[in-house]
Amino acid sequence: KGERCTGWLLQDEGWYYLDAEKDGA
């Protein structure tokens, strides 16, 4: 939907963390 994700994100390279306190950075 074009909206910013937060929390854990799994991609081909591995797991990422999108900081909710920083608007998903």
mmCIF file of all heavy atoms, coordinates in Angstrom:
data_MODEL
# 
_entry.id   MODEL 
# 
loop_
_atom_site.group_PDB 
_atom_site.id 
_atom_site.type_symbol 
_atom_site.label_atom_id 
_atom_site.label_alt_id 
_atom_site.label_comp_id 
_atom_site.label_asym_id 
_atom_site.label_entity_id 
_atom_site.label_seq_id 
_atom_site.pdbx_PDB_ins_code 
_atom_site.Cartn_x 
_atom_site.Cartn_y 
_atom_site.Cartn_z 
_atom_site.occupancy 
_atom_site.B_iso_or_equiv 
_atom_site.pdbx_formal_charge 
_atom_site.auth_seq_id 
_atom_site.auth_comp_id 
_atom_site.auth_asym_id 
_atom_site.auth_atom_id 
_atom_site.pdbx_PDB_model_num 
ATOM 1   N N   . LYS A 1 1  ? 0.806  -1.215  0.000  1.00 0.00 ? 1  LYS A N   1 
ATOM 2   C CA  . LYS A 1 1  ? 0.000  0.000   0.000  1.00 0.00 ? 1  LYS A CA  1 
ATOM 3   C C   . LYS A 1 1  ? 0.840  1.266   0.000  1.00 0.00 ? 1  LYS A C   1 
ATOM 4   O O   . LYS A 1 1  ? 0.304  2.366   0.043  1.00 0.00 ? 1  LYS A O   1 
ATOM 5   C CB  . LYS A 1 1  ? -0.935 -0.005  1.204  1.00 0.00 ? 1  LYS A CB  1 
ATOM 6   C CG  . LYS A 1 1  ? -1.932 -1.153  1.216  1.00 0.00 ? 1  LYS A CG  1 
ATOM 7   C CD  . LYS A 1 1  ? -2.814 -1.091  2.455  1.00 0.00 ? 1  LYS A CD  1 
ATOM 8   C CE  . LYS A 1 1  ? -3.810 -2.246  2.463  1.00 0.00 ? 1  LYS A CE  1 
ATOM 9   N NZ  . LYS A 1 1  ? -4.666 -2.200  3.684  1.00 0.00 ? 1  LYS A NZ  1 
ATOM 10  N N   . GLY A 1 2  ? 2.191  1.053   0.003  1.00 0.00 ? 2  GLY A N   1 
ATOM 11  C CA  . GLY A 1 2  ? 3.065  2.211   0.023  1.00 0.00 ? 2  GLY A CA  1 
ATOM 12  C C   . GLY A 1 2  ? 3.274  2.783   1.409  1.00 0.00 ? 2  GLY A C   1 
ATOM 13  O O   . GLY A 1 2  ? 3.792  3.890   1.554  1.00 0.00 ? 2  GLY A O   1 
ATOM 14  N N   . GLU A 1 3  ? 2.877  2.003   2.448  1.00 0.00 ? 3  GLU A N   1 
ATOM 15  C CA  . GLU A 1 3  ? 3.014  2.471   3.822  1.00 0.00 ? 3  GLU A CA  1 
ATOM 16  C C   . GLU A 1 3  ? 4.293  1.928   4.448  1.00 0.00 ? 3  GLU A C   1 
ATOM 17  O O   . GLU A 1 3  ? 4.726  0.807   4.138  1.00 0.00 ? 3  GLU A O   1 
ATOM 18  C CB  . GLU A 1 3  ? 1.794  2.047   4.647  1.00 0.00 ? 3  GLU A CB  1 
ATOM 19  C CG  . GLU A 1 3  ? 0.483  2.630   4.143  1.00 0.00 ? 3  GLU A CG  1 
ATOM 20  C CD  . GLU A 1 3  ? -0.717 2.114   4.914  1.00 0.00 ? 3  GLU A CD  1 
ATOM 21  O OE1 . GLU A 1 3  ? -0.532 1.206   5.757  1.00 0.00 ? 3  GLU A OE1 1 
ATOM 22  O OE2 . GLU A 1 3  ? -1.841 2.603   4.672  1.00 0.00 ? 3  GLU A OE2 1 
ATOM 23  N N   . ARG A 1 4  ? 4.906  2.666   5.354  1.00 0.00 ? 4  ARG A N   1 
ATOM 24  C CA  . ARG A 1 4  ? 6.151  2.260   6.007  1.00 0.00 ? 4  ARG A CA  1 
ATOM 25  C C   . ARG A 1 4  ? 5.919  1.096   6.963  1.00 0.00 ? 4  ARG A C   1 
ATOM 26  O O   . ARG A 1 4  ? 4.991  1.114   7.759  1.00 0.00 ? 4  ARG A O   1 
ATOM 27  C CB  . ARG A 1 4  ? 6.768  3.434   6.757  1.00 0.00 ? 4  ARG A CB  1 
ATOM 28  C CG  . ARG A 1 4  ? 7.281  4.558   5.855  1.00 0.00 ? 4  ARG A CG  1 
ATOM 29  C CD  . ARG A 1 4  ? 7.983  5.626   6.653  1.00 0.00 ? 4  ARG A CD  1 
ATOM 30  N NE  . ARG A 1 4  ? 8.487  6.711   5.797  1.00 0.00 ? 4  ARG A NE  1 
ATOM 31  C CZ  . ARG A 1 4  ? 9.196  7.739   6.216  1.00 0.00 ? 4  ARG A CZ  1 
ATOM 32  N NH1 . ARG A 1 4  ? 9.519  7.823   7.511  1.00 0.00 ? 4  ARG A NH1 1 
ATOM 33  N NH2 . ARG A 1 4  ? 9.603  8.666   5.365  1.00 0.00 ? 4  ARG A NH2 1 
ATOM 34  N N   . CYS A 1 5  ? 6.796  0.103   6.873  1.00 0.00 ? 5  CYS A N   1 
ATOM 35  C CA  . CYS A 1 5  ? 6.729  -1.046  7.760  1.00 0.00 ? 5  CYS A CA  1 
ATOM 36  C C   . CYS A 1 5  ? 7.526  -0.768  9.039  1.00 0.00 ? 5  CYS A C   1 
ATOM 37  O O   . CYS A 1 5  ? 8.475  0.025   9.033  1.00 0.00 ? 5  CYS A O   1 
ATOM 38  C CB  . CYS A 1 5  ? 7.273  -2.292  7.078  1.00 0.00 ? 5  CYS A CB  1 
ATOM 39  S SG  . CYS A 1 5  ? 6.356  -2.809  5.618  1.00 0.00 ? 5  CYS A SG  1 
ATOM 40  N N   . THR A 1 6  ? 7.168  -1.439  10.113 1.00 0.00 ? 6  THR A N   1 
ATOM 41  C CA  . THR A 1 6  ? 7.907  -1.371  11.373 1.00 0.00 ? 6  THR A CA  1 
ATOM 42  C C   . THR A 1 6  ? 8.096  -2.775  11.918 1.00 0.00 ? 6  THR A C   1 
ATOM 43  O O   . THR A 1 6  ? 7.387  -3.711  11.535 1.00 0.00 ? 6  THR A O   1 
ATOM 44  C CB  . THR A 1 6  ? 7.180  -0.497  12.410 1.00 0.00 ? 6  THR A CB  1 
ATOM 45  O OG1 . THR A 1 6  ? 5.887  -1.052  12.663 1.00 0.00 ? 6  THR A OG1 1 
ATOM 46  C CG2 . THR A 1 6  ? 7.060  0.937   11.936 1.00 0.00 ? 6  THR A CG2 1 
ATOM 47  N N   . GLY A 1 7  ? 9.082  -2.929  12.824 1.00 0.00 ? 7  GLY A N   1 
ATOM 48  C CA  . GLY A 1 7  ? 9.347  -4.235  13.417 1.00 0.00 ? 7  GLY A CA  1 
ATOM 49  C C   . GLY A 1 7  ? 10.268 -5.078  12.551 1.00 0.00 ? 7  GLY A C   1 
ATOM 50  O O   . GLY A 1 7  ? 11.052 -4.580  11.760 1.00 0.00 ? 7  GLY A O   1 
ATOM 51  N N   . TRP A 1 8  ? 10.162 -6.412  12.721 1.00 0.00 ? 8  TRP A N   1 
ATOM 52  C CA  . TRP A 1 8  ? 11.029 -7.343  11.999 1.00 0.00 ? 8  TRP A CA  1 
ATOM 53  C C   . TRP A 1 8  ? 10.589 -7.493  10.549 1.00 0.00 ? 8  TRP A C   1 
ATOM 54  O O   . TRP A 1 8  ? 9.401  -7.564  10.247 1.00 0.00 ? 8  TRP A O   1 
ATOM 55  C CB  . TRP A 1 8  ? 11.022 -8.706  12.677 1.00 0.00 ? 8  TRP A CB  1 
ATOM 56  C CG  . TRP A 1 8  ? 11.733 -8.725  13.992 1.00 0.00 ? 8  TRP A CG  1 
ATOM 57  C CD1 . TRP A 1 8  ? 11.172 -8.709  15.232 1.00 0.00 ? 8  TRP A CD1 1 
ATOM 58  C CD2 . TRP A 1 8  ? 13.143 -8.742  14.190 1.00 0.00 ? 8  TRP A CD2 1 
ATOM 59  N NE1 . TRP A 1 8  ? 12.144 -8.705  16.200 1.00 0.00 ? 8  TRP A NE1 1 
ATOM 60  C CE2 . TRP A 1 8  ? 13.372 -8.739  15.580 1.00 0.00 ? 8  TRP A CE2 1 
ATOM 61  C CE3 . TRP A 1 8  ? 14.239 -8.763  13.334 1.00 0.00 ? 8  TRP A CE3 1 
ATOM 62  C CZ2 . TRP A 1 8  ? 14.642 -8.754  16.140 1.00 0.00 ? 8  TRP A CZ2 1 
ATOM 63  C CZ3 . TRP A 1 8  ? 15.503 -8.774  13.880 1.00 0.00 ? 8  TRP A CZ3 1 
ATOM 64  C CH2 . TRP A 1 8  ? 15.701 -8.773  15.271 1.00 0.00 ? 8  TRP A CH2 1 
ATOM 65  N N   . LEU A 1 9  ? 11.569 -7.578  9.655  1.00 0.00 ? 9  LEU A N   1 
ATOM 66  C CA  . LEU A 1 9  ? 11.328 -7.729  8.221  1.00 0.00 ? 9  LEU A CA  1 
ATOM 67  C C   . LEU A 1 9  ? 12.289 -8.772  7.675  1.00 0.00 ? 9  LEU A C   1 
ATOM 68  O O   . LEU A 1 9  ? 13.506 -8.644  7.821  1.00 0.00 ? 9  LEU A O   1 
ATOM 69  C CB  . LEU A 1 9  ? 11.508 -6.400  7.492  1.00 0.00 ? 9  LEU A CB  1 
ATOM 70  C CG  . LEU A 1 9  ? 11.420 -6.449  5.956  1.00 0.00 ? 9  LEU A CG  1 
ATOM 71  C CD1 . LEU A 1 9  ? 9.987  -6.773  5.525  1.00 0.00 ? 9  LEU A CD1 1 
ATOM 72  C CD2 . LEU A 1 9  ? 11.888 -5.129  5.344  1.00 0.00 ? 9  LEU A CD2 1 
ATOM 73  N N   . LEU A 1 10 ? 11.739 -9.834  7.053  1.00 0.00 ? 10 LEU A N   1 
ATOM 74  C CA  . LEU A 1 10 ? 12.557 -10.888 6.464  1.00 0.00 ? 10 LEU A CA  1 
ATOM 75  C C   . LEU A 1 10 ? 12.699 -10.658 4.967  1.00 0.00 ? 10 LEU A C   1 
ATOM 76  O O   . LEU A 1 10 ? 11.713 -10.553 4.245  1.00 0.00 ? 10 LEU A O   1 
ATOM 77  C CB  . LEU A 1 10 ? 11.939 -12.266 6.728  1.00 0.00 ? 10 LEU A CB  1 
ATOM 78  C CG  . LEU A 1 10 ? 12.699 -13.471 6.150  1.00 0.00 ? 10 LEU A CG  1 
ATOM 79  C CD1 . LEU A 1 10 ? 14.090 -13.577 6.748  1.00 0.00 ? 10 LEU A CD1 1 
ATOM 80  C CD2 . LEU A 1 10 ? 11.921 -14.767 6.390  1.00 0.00 ? 10 LEU A CD2 1 
ATOM 81  N N   . GLN A 1 11 ? 13.945 -10.591 4.503  1.00 0.00 ? 11 GLN A N   1 
ATOM 82  C CA  . GLN A 1 11 ? 14.275 -10.470 3.093  1.00 0.00 ? 11 GLN A CA  1 
ATOM 83  C C   . GLN A 1 11 ? 15.262 -11.573 2.713  1.00 0.00 ? 11 GLN A C   1 
ATOM 84  O O   . GLN A 1 11 ? 15.682 -12.368 3.559  1.00 0.00 ? 11 GLN A O   1 
ATOM 85  C CB  . GLN A 1 11 ? 14.891 -9.089  2.806  1.00 0.00 ? 11 GLN A CB  1 
ATOM 86  C CG  . GLN A 1 11 ? 13.926 -7.925  3.060  1.00 0.00 ? 11 GLN A CG  1 
ATOM 87  C CD  . GLN A 1 11 ? 12.866 -7.801  2.006  1.00 0.00 ? 11 GLN A CD  1 
ATOM 88  O OE1 . GLN A 1 11 ? 13.110 -7.315  0.902  1.00 0.00 ? 11 GLN A OE1 1 
ATOM 89  N NE2 . GLN A 1 11 ? 11.645 -8.243  2.327  1.00 0.00 ? 11 GLN A NE2 1 
ATOM 90  N N   . ASP A 1 12 ? 15.589 -11.652 1.434  1.00 0.00 ? 12 ASP A N   1 
ATOM 91  C CA  . ASP A 1 12 ? 16.518 -12.691 0.983  1.00 0.00 ? 12 ASP A CA  1 
ATOM 92  C C   . ASP A 1 12 ? 17.849 -12.625 1.713  1.00 0.00 ? 12 ASP A C   1 
ATOM 93  O O   . ASP A 1 12 ? 18.483 -13.653 1.966  1.00 0.00 ? 12 ASP A O   1 
ATOM 94  C CB  . ASP A 1 12 ? 16.751 -12.580 -0.527 1.00 0.00 ? 12 ASP A CB  1 
ATOM 95  C CG  . ASP A 1 12 ? 15.507 -12.913 -1.338 1.00 0.00 ? 12 ASP A CG  1 
ATOM 96  O OD1 . ASP A 1 12 ? 14.615 -13.602 -0.791 1.00 0.00 ? 12 ASP A OD1 1 
ATOM 97  O OD2 . ASP A 1 12 ? 15.421 -12.480 -2.497 1.00 0.00 ? 12 ASP A OD2 1 
ATOM 98  N N   . GLU A 1 13 ? 18.282 -11.427 2.048  1.00 0.00 ? 13 GLU A N   1 
ATOM 99  C CA  . GLU A 1 13 ? 19.577 -11.253 2.709  1.00 0.00 ? 13 GLU A CA  1 
ATOM 100 C C   . GLU A 1 13 ? 19.545 -11.651 4.180  1.00 0.00 ? 13 GLU A C   1 
ATOM 101 O O   . GLU A 1 13 ? 20.587 -11.899 4.782  1.00 0.00 ? 13 GLU A O   1 
ATOM 102 C CB  . GLU A 1 13 ? 20.054 -9.807  2.589  1.00 0.00 ? 13 GLU A CB  1 
ATOM 103 C CG  . GLU A 1 13 ? 20.246 -9.316  1.157  1.00 0.00 ? 13 GLU A CG  1 
ATOM 104 C CD  . GLU A 1 13 ? 18.918 -8.889  0.526  1.00 0.00 ? 13 GLU A CD  1 
ATOM 105 O OE1 . GLU A 1 13 ? 17.892 -8.891  1.246  1.00 0.00 ? 13 GLU A OE1 1 
ATOM 106 O OE2 . GLU A 1 13 ? 18.897 -8.592  -0.682 1.00 0.00 ? 13 GLU A OE2 1 
ATOM 107 N N   . GLY A 1 14 ? 18.353 -11.698 4.781  1.00 0.00 ? 14 GLY A N   1 
ATOM 108 C CA  . GLY A 1 14 ? 18.218 -12.026 6.186  1.00 0.00 ? 14 GLY A CA  1 
ATOM 109 C C   . GLY A 1 14 ? 17.183 -11.147 6.872  1.00 0.00 ? 14 GLY A C   1 
ATOM 110 O O   . GLY A 1 14 ? 16.324 -10.545 6.215  1.00 0.00 ? 14 GLY A O   1 
ATOM 111 N N   . TRP A 1 15 ? 17.291 -11.054 8.189  1.00 0.00 ? 15 TRP A N   1 
ATOM 112 C CA  . TRP A 1 15 ? 16.342 -10.278 8.978  1.00 0.00 ? 15 TRP A CA  1 
ATOM 113 C C   . TRP A 1 15 ? 16.816 -8.845  9.163  1.00 0.00 ? 15 TRP A C   1 
ATOM 114 O O   . TRP A 1 15 ? 17.989 -8.593  9.390  1.00 0.00 ? 15 TRP A O   1 
ATOM 115 C CB  . TRP A 1 15 ? 16.152 -10.921 10.353 1.00 0.00 ? 15 TRP A CB  1 
ATOM 116 C CG  . TRP A 1 15 ? 15.292 -12.155 10.328 1.00 0.00 ? 15 TRP A CG  1 
ATOM 117 C CD1 . TRP A 1 15 ? 15.721 -13.444 10.295 1.00 0.00 ? 15 TRP A CD1 1 
ATOM 118 C CD2 . TRP A 1 15 ? 13.866 -12.208 10.334 1.00 0.00 ? 15 TRP A CD2 1 
ATOM 119 N NE1 . TRP A 1 15 ? 14.659 -14.303 10.279 1.00 0.00 ? 15 TRP A NE1 1 
ATOM 120 C CE2 . TRP A 1 15 ? 13.496 -13.562 10.300 1.00 0.00 ? 15 TRP A CE2 1 
ATOM 121 C CE3 . TRP A 1 15 ? 12.863 -11.242 10.355 1.00 0.00 ? 15 TRP A CE3 1 
ATOM 122 C CZ2 . TRP A 1 15 ? 12.178 -13.991 10.296 1.00 0.00 ? 15 TRP A CZ2 1 
ATOM 123 C CZ3 . TRP A 1 15 ? 11.541 -11.660 10.349 1.00 0.00 ? 15 TRP A CZ3 1 
ATOM 124 C CH2 . TRP A 1 15 ? 11.209 -13.012 10.323 1.00 0.00 ? 15 TRP A CH2 1 
ATOM 125 N N   . TYR A 1 16 ? 15.854 -7.926  9.056  1.00 0.00 ? 16 TYR A N   1 
ATOM 126 C CA  . TYR A 1 16 ? 16.080 -6.514  9.305  1.00 0.00 ? 16 TYR A CA  1 
ATOM 127 C C   . TYR A 1 16 ? 15.163 -6.067  10.441 1.00 0.00 ? 16 TYR A C   1 
ATOM 128 O O   . TYR A 1 16 ? 14.139 -6.699  10.715 1.00 0.00 ? 16 TYR A O   1 
ATOM 129 C CB  . TYR A 1 16 ? 15.789 -5.660  8.066  1.00 0.00 ? 16 TYR A CB  1 
ATOM 130 C CG  . TYR A 1 16 ? 16.675 -5.954  6.884  1.00 0.00 ? 16 TYR A CG  1 
ATOM 131 C CD1 . TYR A 1 16 ? 16.428 -7.035  6.056  1.00 0.00 ? 16 TYR A CD1 1 
ATOM 132 C CD2 . TYR A 1 16 ? 17.759 -5.141  6.581  1.00 0.00 ? 16 TYR A CD2 1 
ATOM 133 C CE1 . TYR A 1 16 ? 17.234 -7.307  4.960  1.00 0.00 ? 16 TYR A CE1 1 
ATOM 134 C CE2 . TYR A 1 16 ? 18.572 -5.393  5.482  1.00 0.00 ? 16 TYR A CE2 1 
ATOM 135 C CZ  . TYR A 1 16 ? 18.294 -6.477  4.678  1.00 0.00 ? 16 TYR A CZ  1 
ATOM 136 O OH  . TYR A 1 16 ? 19.096 -6.740  3.588  1.00 0.00 ? 16 TYR A OH  1 
ATOM 137 N N   . TYR A 1 17 ? 15.543 -4.957  11.092 1.00 0.00 ? 17 TYR A N   1 
ATOM 138 C CA  . TYR A 1 17 ? 14.672 -4.385  12.106 1.00 0.00 ? 17 TYR A CA  1 
ATOM 139 C C   . TYR A 1 17 ? 14.379 -2.936  11.762 1.00 0.00 ? 17 TYR A C   1 
ATOM 140 O O   . TYR A 1 17 ? 15.289 -2.119  11.581 1.00 0.00 ? 17 TYR A O   1 
ATOM 141 C CB  . TYR A 1 17 ? 15.291 -4.470  13.498 1.00 0.00 ? 17 TYR A CB  1 
ATOM 142 C CG  . TYR A 1 17 ? 14.319 -4.059  14.583 1.00 0.00 ? 17 TYR A CG  1 
ATOM 143 C CD1 . TYR A 1 17 ? 13.286 -4.904  14.963 1.00 0.00 ? 17 TYR A CD1 1 
ATOM 144 C CD2 . TYR A 1 17 ? 14.410 -2.820  15.206 1.00 0.00 ? 17 TYR A CD2 1 
ATOM 145 C CE1 . TYR A 1 17 ? 12.373 -4.536  15.938 1.00 0.00 ? 17 TYR A CE1 1 
ATOM 146 C CE2 . TYR A 1 17 ? 13.514 -2.446  16.177 1.00 0.00 ? 17 TYR A CE2 1 
ATOM 147 C CZ  . TYR A 1 17 ? 12.489 -3.308  16.547 1.00 0.00 ? 17 TYR A CZ  1 
ATOM 148 O OH  . TYR A 1 17 ? 11.581 -2.936  17.505 1.00 0.00 ? 17 TYR A OH  1 
ATOM 149 N N   . LEU A 1 18 ? 13.058 -2.638  11.632 1.00 0.00 ? 18 LEU A N   1 
ATOM 150 C CA  . LEU A 1 18 ? 12.586 -1.304  11.302 1.00 0.00 ? 18 LEU A CA  1 
ATOM 151 C C   . LEU A 1 18 ? 12.043 -0.653  12.573 1.00 0.00 ? 18 LEU A C   1 
ATOM 152 O O   . LEU A 1 18 ? 11.033 -1.089  13.126 1.00 0.00 ? 18 LEU A O   1 
ATOM 153 C CB  . LEU A 1 18 ? 11.506 -1.383  10.215 1.00 0.00 ? 18 LEU A CB  1 
ATOM 154 C CG  . LEU A 1 18 ? 11.902 -2.225  8.985  1.00 0.00 ? 18 LEU A CG  1 
ATOM 155 C CD1 . LEU A 1 18 ? 10.737 -2.370  8.032  1.00 0.00 ? 18 LEU A CD1 1 
ATOM 156 C CD2 . LEU A 1 18 ? 13.111 -1.623  8.279  1.00 0.00 ? 18 LEU A CD2 1 
ATOM 157 N N   . ASP A 1 19 ? 12.745 0.345   13.058 1.00 0.00 ? 19 ASP A N   1 
ATOM 158 C CA  . ASP A 1 19 ? 12.495 0.946   14.364 1.00 0.00 ? 19 ASP A CA  1 
ATOM 159 C C   . ASP A 1 19 ? 11.215 1.772   14.350 1.00 0.00 ? 19 ASP A C   1 
ATOM 160 O O   . ASP A 1 19 ? 11.120 2.791   13.672 1.00 0.00 ? 19 ASP A O   1 
ATOM 161 C CB  . ASP A 1 19 ? 13.691 1.805   14.775 1.00 0.00 ? 19 ASP A CB  1 
ATOM 162 C CG  . ASP A 1 19 ? 13.705 2.094   16.262 1.00 0.00 ? 19 ASP A CG  1 
ATOM 163 O OD1 . ASP A 1 19 ? 12.659 1.929   16.921 1.00 0.00 ? 19 ASP A OD1 1 
ATOM 164 O OD2 . ASP A 1 19 ? 14.771 2.475   16.787 1.00 0.00 ? 19 ASP A OD2 1 
ATOM 165 N N   . ALA A 1 20 ? 10.215 1.309   15.117 1.00 0.00 ? 20 ALA A N   1 
ATOM 166 C CA  . ALA A 1 20 ? 8.953  2.038   15.188 1.00 0.00 ? 20 ALA A CA  1 
ATOM 167 C C   . ALA A 1 20 ? 9.123  3.406   15.833 1.00 0.00 ? 20 ALA A C   1 
ATOM 168 O O   . ALA A 1 20 ? 8.398  4.347   15.508 1.00 0.00 ? 20 ALA A O   1 
ATOM 169 C CB  . ALA A 1 20 ? 7.919  1.215   15.957 1.00 0.00 ? 20 ALA A CB  1 
ATOM 170 N N   . GLU A 1 21 ? 10.079 3.518   16.754 1.00 0.00 ? 21 GLU A N   1 
ATOM 171 C CA  . GLU A 1 21 ? 10.322 4.798   17.419 1.00 0.00 ? 21 GLU A CA  1 
ATOM 172 C C   . GLU A 1 21 ? 10.906 5.837   16.472 1.00 0.00 ? 21 GLU A C   1 
ATOM 173 O O   . GLU A 1 21 ? 10.914 7.022   16.788 1.00 0.00 ? 21 GLU A O   1 
ATOM 174 C CB  . GLU A 1 21 ? 11.255 4.591   18.614 1.00 0.00 ? 21 GLU A CB  1 
ATOM 175 C CG  . GLU A 1 21 ? 10.648 3.706   19.713 1.00 0.00 ? 21 GLU A CG  1 
ATOM 176 C CD  . GLU A 1 21 ? 11.587 3.523   20.879 1.00 0.00 ? 21 GLU A CD  1 
ATOM 177 O OE1 . GLU A 1 21 ? 12.732 4.016   20.804 1.00 0.00 ? 21 GLU A OE1 1 
ATOM 178 O OE2 . GLU A 1 21 ? 11.170 2.899   21.874 1.00 0.00 ? 21 GLU A OE2 1 
ATOM 179 N N   . LYS A 1 22 ? 11.411 5.370   15.332 1.00 0.00 ? 22 LYS A N   1 
ATOM 180 C CA  . LYS A 1 22 ? 11.968 6.277   14.339 1.00 0.00 ? 22 LYS A CA  1 
ATOM 181 C C   . LYS A 1 22 ? 11.203 6.182   13.023 1.00 0.00 ? 22 LYS A C   1 
ATOM 182 O O   . LYS A 1 22 ? 11.776 6.292   11.947 1.00 0.00 ? 22 LYS A O   1 
ATOM 183 C CB  . LYS A 1 22 ? 13.452 5.992   14.135 1.00 0.00 ? 22 LYS A CB  1 
ATOM 184 C CG  . LYS A 1 22 ? 14.290 6.230   15.382 1.00 0.00 ? 22 LYS A CG  1 
ATOM 185 C CD  . LYS A 1 22 ? 15.765 5.981   15.121 1.00 0.00 ? 22 LYS A CD  1 
ATOM 186 C CE  . LYS A 1 22 ? 16.597 6.261   16.370 1.00 0.00 ? 22 LYS A CE  1 
ATOM 187 N NZ  . LYS A 1 22 ? 18.058 6.016   16.131 1.00 0.00 ? 22 LYS A NZ  1 
ATOM 188 N N   . ASP A 1 23 ? 9.883  5.940   13.159 1.00 0.00 ? 23 ASP A N   1 
ATOM 189 C CA  . ASP A 1 23 ? 8.995  5.936   12.002 1.00 0.00 ? 23 ASP A CA  1 
ATOM 190 C C   . ASP A 1 23 ? 9.379  4.868   10.983 1.00 0.00 ? 23 ASP A C   1 
ATOM 191 O O   . ASP A 1 23 ? 9.230  5.067   9.776  1.00 0.00 ? 23 ASP A O   1 
ATOM 192 C CB  . ASP A 1 23 ? 8.938  7.320   11.350 1.00 0.00 ? 23 ASP A CB  1 
ATOM 193 C CG  . ASP A 1 23 ? 7.727  7.487   10.432 1.00 0.00 ? 23 ASP A CG  1 
ATOM 194 O OD1 . ASP A 1 23 ? 6.716  6.788   10.671 1.00 0.00 ? 23 ASP A OD1 1 
ATOM 195 O OD2 . ASP A 1 23 ? 7.785  8.304   9.502  1.00 0.00 ? 23 ASP A OD2 1 
ATOM 196 N N   . GLY A 1 24 ? 9.923  3.752   11.471 1.00 0.00 ? 24 GLY A N   1 
ATOM 197 C CA  . GLY A 1 24 ? 10.246 2.645   10.580 1.00 0.00 ? 24 GLY A CA  1 
ATOM 198 C C   . GLY A 1 24 ? 11.639 2.671   9.986  1.00 0.00 ? 24 GLY A C   1 
ATOM 199 O O   . GLY A 1 24 ? 11.934 1.886   9.074  1.00 0.00 ? 24 GLY A O   1 
ATOM 200 N N   . ALA A 1 25 ? 12.513 3.565   10.458 1.00 0.00 ? 25 ALA A N   1 
ATOM 201 C CA  . ALA A 1 25 ? 13.870 3.630   9.926  1.00 0.00 ? 25 ALA A CA  1 
ATOM 202 C C   . ALA A 1 25 ? 14.614 2.329   10.222 1.00 0.00 ? 25 ALA A C   1 
ATOM 203 O O   . ALA A 1 25 ? 14.538 1.786   11.318 1.00 0.00 ? 25 ALA A O   1 
ATOM 204 C CB  . ALA A 1 25 ? 14.623 4.818   10.524 1.00 0.00 ? 25 ALA A CB  1 
# 
